[in-house]
Amino acid sequence: MGAGGRLMNLDPARLAEALAEAREALDAAAARGGRGAGEVEVVVAGKYIAAPAAPALVVAGVRVVGENRLQDLAAKRELVGDALTFDFIGHLQRRKVRDVLRLTRLVHTLDSTRLAEEIAKRAAGPTRVLVECNVAEEPTKGGIVASEIPAFIEDLSVHSSIVVGGLMAMPPEAADPEDNRRHFAALRDLAHDLRRRYDGRHDLSDLSMGTSQDYLVAAEEGATLVRLGRALIDRAQR
């Protein structure tokens, strides 16, 4: 382990095996929800992995890494270049928007009009983002409550450079993954309604929902992106 409990060394073969098993399970879960293989993408949570271990992610066949902090993102990107695709999945400070946009494919955590304004200001062109939804209306979590998301998207639609690519949620911790099924289903239905409303303006095709605790339930309910950390990394320690 490195500083902050992050892994300094990964076994690429073990990680590749864990990743293959997760993708197979996700395909089965998606099929139970009426979708095809490959429709759920794994975003590996980078907060568990120290920068020196980033090359091992490439060897293991990881495609997308989700980072919570700009400094970690920049350090890993410097080591692996374009061999990995990076998403930003943490709280985004406005003063860091320029650099985050430059280094990532997708921001999962748009949660305020002020942040939207900064993204619009810094965007080099049409920029897809996900709107973070506080699905359980937890006071300790960020995101916008579901009832306010339509108005929020209406407000940010004045920014021609912002395209809402979908919704993101971090539901409550749950001992039983089934406890979060209703949250995932509600987010899927909300995205479906918004997709029809904003057809031609926003695509709303992505749902970033599900983590190591409940990612298979999320896939059954329509997730297109799942954020996996411990479900993979615990098996890949040297």
Protein backbone atom coordinates (compact mmCIF):
# COMPACT_ATOMS: atom_id res chain seq x y z
CA MET A 1 0.00 0.00 0.00
CA GLY A 2 1.09 3.56 -0.67
CA ALA A 3 0.12 6.86 0.91
CA GLY A 4 -3.54 7.14 1.78
CA GLY A 5 -4.04 3.39 1.51
CA ARG A 6 -3.71 3.34 -2.28
CA LEU A 7 -2.07 0.41 -3.99
CA MET A 8 1.43 0.95 -5.33
CA ASN A 9 1.66 -2.46 -7.00
CA LEU A 10 -0.96 -4.38 -8.93
CA ASP A 11 -0.82 -7.84 -10.45
CA PRO A 12 -2.01 -7.23 -14.04
CA ALA A 13 -2.94 -10.88 -14.59
CA ARG A 14 -5.15 -10.98 -11.50
CA LEU A 15 -6.74 -7.67 -12.41
CA ALA A 16 -7.40 -8.84 -15.97
CA GLU A 17 -9.11 -11.94 -14.60
CA ALA A 18 -11.27 -9.91 -12.20
CA LEU A 19 -12.14 -7.47 -14.97
CA ALA A 20 -13.14 -10.25 -17.35
CA GLU A 21 -15.39 -11.79 -14.70
CA ALA A 22 -17.00 -8.43 -13.96
CA ARG A 23 -17.67 -7.79 -17.64
CA GLU A 24 -19.18 -11.25 -18.06
CA ALA A 25 -21.44 -10.68 -15.04
CA LEU A 26 -22.41 -7.26 -16.38
CA ASP A 27 -23.36 -8.73 -19.75
CA ALA A 28 -25.59 -11.26 -17.99
CA ALA A 29 -27.17 -8.52 -15.86
CA ALA A 30 -27.75 -6.34 -18.92
CA ALA A 31 -29.39 -9.28 -20.66
CA ARG A 32 -31.76 -9.71 -17.74
CA GLY A 33 -32.71 -6.08 -18.32
CA GLY A 34 -33.31 -6.65 -22.03
CA ARG A 35 -30.03 -5.30 -23.38
CA GLY A 36 -27.11 -6.73 -25.29
CA ALA A 37 -23.54 -7.63 -24.42
CA GLY A 38 -21.06 -4.79 -24.09
CA GLU A 39 -23.66 -2.15 -23.25
CA VAL A 40 -22.27 -1.52 -19.76
CA GLU A 41 -18.81 0.02 -19.49
CA VAL A 42 -16.55 -0.48 -16.49
CA VAL A 43 -15.00 2.69 -15.08
CA VAL A 44 -12.24 1.63 -12.68
CA ALA A 45 -12.16 3.87 -9.59
CA GLY A 46 -8.69 5.35 -9.53
CA LYS A 47 -8.79 6.58 -5.94
CA TYR A 48 -7.66 3.15 -4.78
CA ILE A 49 -4.61 3.10 -7.04
CA ALA A 50 -1.41 5.13 -6.66
CA ALA A 51 0.01 6.70 -9.79
CA PRO A 52 2.99 4.31 -10.14
CA ALA A 53 0.53 1.43 -10.59
CA ALA A 54 -1.19 3.08 -13.57
CA PRO A 55 0.88 1.23 -16.22
CA ALA A 56 -0.33 -2.07 -14.74
CA LEU A 57 -3.89 -0.99 -15.49
CA VAL A 58 -2.98 -0.73 -19.16
CA VAL A 59 -1.39 -4.20 -19.16
CA ALA A 60 -4.52 -5.63 -17.49
CA GLY A 61 -6.78 -4.31 -20.23
CA VAL A 62 -8.44 -1.51 -18.29
CA ARG A 63 -9.94 1.02 -20.68
CA VAL A 64 -11.45 3.78 -18.52
CA VAL A 65 -10.35 5.11 -15.14
CA GLY A 66 -12.47 7.44 -13.03
CA GLU A 67 -10.57 9.92 -10.88
CA ASN A 68 -11.75 12.01 -7.92
CA ARG A 69 -8.84 14.44 -7.77
CA LEU A 70 -7.07 16.46 -10.42
CA GLN A 71 -3.58 15.80 -9.07
CA ASP A 72 -4.08 12.03 -9.25
CA LEU A 73 -5.55 12.32 -12.71
CA ALA A 74 -2.63 14.41 -13.97
CA ALA A 75 -0.02 12.10 -12.44
CA LYS A 76 -1.49 8.99 -14.03
CA ARG A 77 -2.06 10.67 -17.35
CA GLU A 78 1.59 11.72 -17.41
CA LEU A 79 2.63 8.09 -16.97
CA VAL A 80 0.30 6.41 -19.46
CA GLY A 81 -0.68 9.15 -21.92
CA ASP A 82 -3.57 8.12 -24.13
CA ALA A 83 -3.29 4.42 -23.25
CA LEU A 84 -6.09 4.97 -20.73
CA THR A 85 -9.22 7.07 -21.02
CA PHE A 86 -10.00 9.15 -17.93
CA ASP A 87 -13.33 10.32 -16.55
CA PHE A 88 -13.77 12.68 -13.60
CA ILE A 89 -16.08 11.23 -10.96
CA GLY A 90 -15.38 13.41 -7.90
CA HIS A 91 -16.58 16.80 -6.77
CA LEU A 92 -15.28 19.29 -9.32
CA GLN A 93 -14.05 22.68 -8.11
CA ARG A 94 -14.58 25.50 -10.57
CA ARG A 95 -10.94 26.58 -10.45
CA LYS A 96 -9.91 23.15 -11.73
CA VAL A 97 -12.36 22.92 -14.63
CA ARG A 98 -9.91 23.97 -17.35
CA ASP A 99 -7.40 21.24 -16.53
CA VAL A 100 -9.99 18.56 -15.88
CA LEU A 101 -11.66 19.17 -19.23
CA ARG A 102 -8.30 18.98 -20.97
CA LEU A 103 -7.46 15.61 -19.43
CA THR A 104 -10.78 13.75 -19.42
CA ARG A 105 -13.44 12.32 -21.66
CA LEU A 106 -16.38 12.94 -19.38
CA VAL A 107 -17.29 14.74 -16.14
CA HIS A 108 -19.84 12.70 -14.16
CA THR A 109 -20.60 15.29 -11.48
CA LEU A 110 -22.16 18.48 -12.81
CA ASP A 111 -24.22 19.70 -9.86
CA SER A 112 -24.62 23.49 -10.02
CA THR A 113 -25.33 26.30 -12.45
CA ARG A 114 -22.09 28.01 -11.41
CA LEU A 115 -20.10 24.92 -12.34
CA ALA A 116 -22.02 24.73 -15.63
CA GLU A 117 -21.09 28.33 -16.36
CA GLU A 118 -17.42 27.58 -15.76
CA ILE A 119 -17.51 24.48 -17.96
CA ALA A 120 -19.20 26.46 -20.72
CA LYS A 121 -16.52 29.16 -20.38
CA ARG A 122 -13.64 26.69 -20.56
CA ALA A 123 -15.03 24.20 -23.10
CA ALA A 124 -13.19 24.05 -26.41
CA GLY A 125 -16.34 22.90 -28.19
CA PRO A 126 -19.49 20.85 -27.50
CA THR A 127 -18.78 19.07 -24.22
CA ARG A 128 -20.73 16.11 -22.85
CA VAL A 129 -21.29 16.05 -19.10
CA LEU A 130 -23.41 14.02 -16.70
CA VAL A 131 -25.70 15.68 -14.18
CA GLU A 132 -25.29 14.28 -10.68
CA CYS A 133 -28.57 13.31 -9.03
CA ASN A 134 -28.98 12.94 -5.28
CA VAL A 135 -31.41 10.06 -5.68
CA ALA A 136 -32.11 9.50 -1.97
CA GLU A 137 -32.04 13.22 -1.09
CA GLU A 138 -29.25 12.64 1.42
CA PRO A 139 -28.19 15.93 3.05
CA THR A 140 -24.55 14.85 3.28
CA LYS A 141 -24.19 14.17 -0.44
CA GLY A 142 -23.85 16.43 -3.44
CA GLY A 143 -26.05 16.36 -6.48
CA ILE A 144 -29.44 17.68 -7.42
CA VAL A 145 -32.63 16.06 -6.19
CA ALA A 146 -34.60 14.33 -8.92
CA SER A 147 -37.56 16.71 -8.83
CA GLU A 148 -35.27 19.66 -9.62
CA ILE A 149 -33.27 18.10 -12.45
CA PRO A 150 -35.66 19.06 -15.30
CA ALA A 151 -35.48 22.73 -14.30
CA PHE A 152 -31.71 22.47 -13.87
CA ILE A 153 -31.25 21.09 -17.37
CA GLU A 154 -33.51 23.81 -18.71
CA ASP A 155 -31.31 26.43 -17.05
CA LEU A 156 -28.03 25.07 -18.36
CA SER A 157 -29.42 24.61 -21.87
CA VAL A 158 -28.58 28.26 -22.52
CA HIS A 159 -24.94 27.14 -22.79
CA SER A 160 -24.55 25.87 -26.34
CA SER A 161 -21.24 24.18 -25.50
CA ILE A 162 -22.79 21.92 -22.86
CA VAL A 163 -24.51 18.69 -23.85
CA VAL A 164 -26.10 16.64 -21.10
CA GLY A 165 -24.95 13.13 -21.87
CA GLY A 166 -26.90 11.56 -19.04
CA LEU A 167 -27.30 11.27 -15.29
CA MET A 168 -25.07 10.02 -12.50
CA ALA A 169 -26.01 8.79 -9.03
CA MET A 170 -24.33 7.55 -5.87
CA PRO A 171 -27.11 5.87 -3.89
CA PRO A 172 -26.94 5.11 -0.16
CA GLU A 173 -24.64 2.43 1.19
CA ALA A 174 -26.63 -0.77 1.33
CA ALA A 175 -25.97 -4.19 2.82
CA ASP A 176 -28.38 -5.63 0.27
CA PRO A 177 -27.96 -4.41 -3.34
CA GLU A 178 -31.70 -4.82 -3.84
CA ASP A 179 -32.24 -1.87 -1.51
CA ASN A 180 -30.97 0.44 -4.25
CA ARG A 181 -32.91 -1.03 -7.15
CA ARG A 182 -35.70 1.52 -6.77
CA HIS A 183 -33.21 4.38 -6.99
CA PHE A 184 -31.68 3.00 -10.18
CA ALA A 185 -35.08 2.40 -11.75
CA ALA A 186 -36.24 5.91 -10.90
CA LEU A 187 -33.10 7.45 -12.42
CA ARG A 188 -33.57 5.38 -15.59
CA ASP A 189 -37.17 6.53 -15.93
CA LEU A 190 -36.20 10.15 -15.35
CA ALA A 191 -33.51 9.95 -18.03
CA HIS A 192 -36.00 8.39 -20.44
CA ASP A 193 -38.46 11.25 -19.94
CA LEU A 194 -35.74 13.87 -20.31
CA ARG A 195 -34.38 12.21 -23.44
CA ARG A 196 -37.74 12.62 -25.16
CA ARG A 197 -38.07 16.20 -23.93
CA TYR A 198 -34.63 17.29 -25.12
CA ASP A 199 -34.31 15.20 -28.26
CA GLY A 200 -31.92 17.01 -30.57
CA ARG A 201 -30.43 19.18 -27.80
CA HIS A 202 -29.16 16.76 -25.15
CA ASP A 203 -28.63 13.04 -25.71
CA LEU A 204 -29.07 11.69 -22.14
CA SER A 205 -27.90 8.27 -23.27
CA ASP A 206 -25.62 7.47 -20.33
CA LEU A 207 -26.48 6.40 -16.80
CA SER A 208 -23.51 6.31 -14.45
CA MET A 209 -24.83 4.33 -11.52
CA GLY A 210 -23.66 1.36 -9.55
CA THR A 211 -20.47 0.72 -7.60
CA SER A 212 -18.86 -2.40 -6.16
CA GLN A 213 -21.76 -2.84 -3.72
CA ASP A 214 -24.59 -2.93 -6.26
CA TYR A 215 -23.30 -2.74 -9.83
CA LEU A 216 -25.15 -5.80 -11.11
CA VAL A 217 -28.50 -4.47 -9.92
CA ALA A 218 -27.61 -1.15 -11.56
CA ALA A 219 -26.87 -2.94 -14.83
CA GLU A 220 -30.21 -4.73 -14.69
CA GLU A 221 -31.90 -1.34 -14.32
CA GLY A 222 -30.17 0.37 -17.23
CA ALA A 223 -26.70 1.55 -16.18
CA THR A 224 -24.34 2.22 -19.06
CA LEU A 225 -21.39 3.05 -16.79
CA VAL A 226 -20.51 1.37 -13.49
CA ARG A 227 -17.75 2.62 -11.21
CA LEU A 228 -15.81 -0.30 -9.74
CA GLY A 229 -13.08 -0.10 -7.15
CA ARG A 230 -12.77 -2.71 -4.46
CA ALA A 231 -14.65 -5.32 -6.49
CA LEU A 232 -11.61 -5.40 -8.78
CA ILE A 233 -8.66 -4.04 -6.86
CA ASP A 234 -8.84 -6.29 -3.81
CA ARG A 235 -8.16 -9.25 -6.09
CA ALA A 236 -5.22 -7.61 -7.84
CA GLN A 237 -2.92 -6.85 -4.92
CA ARG A 238 0.55 -8.28 -5.15
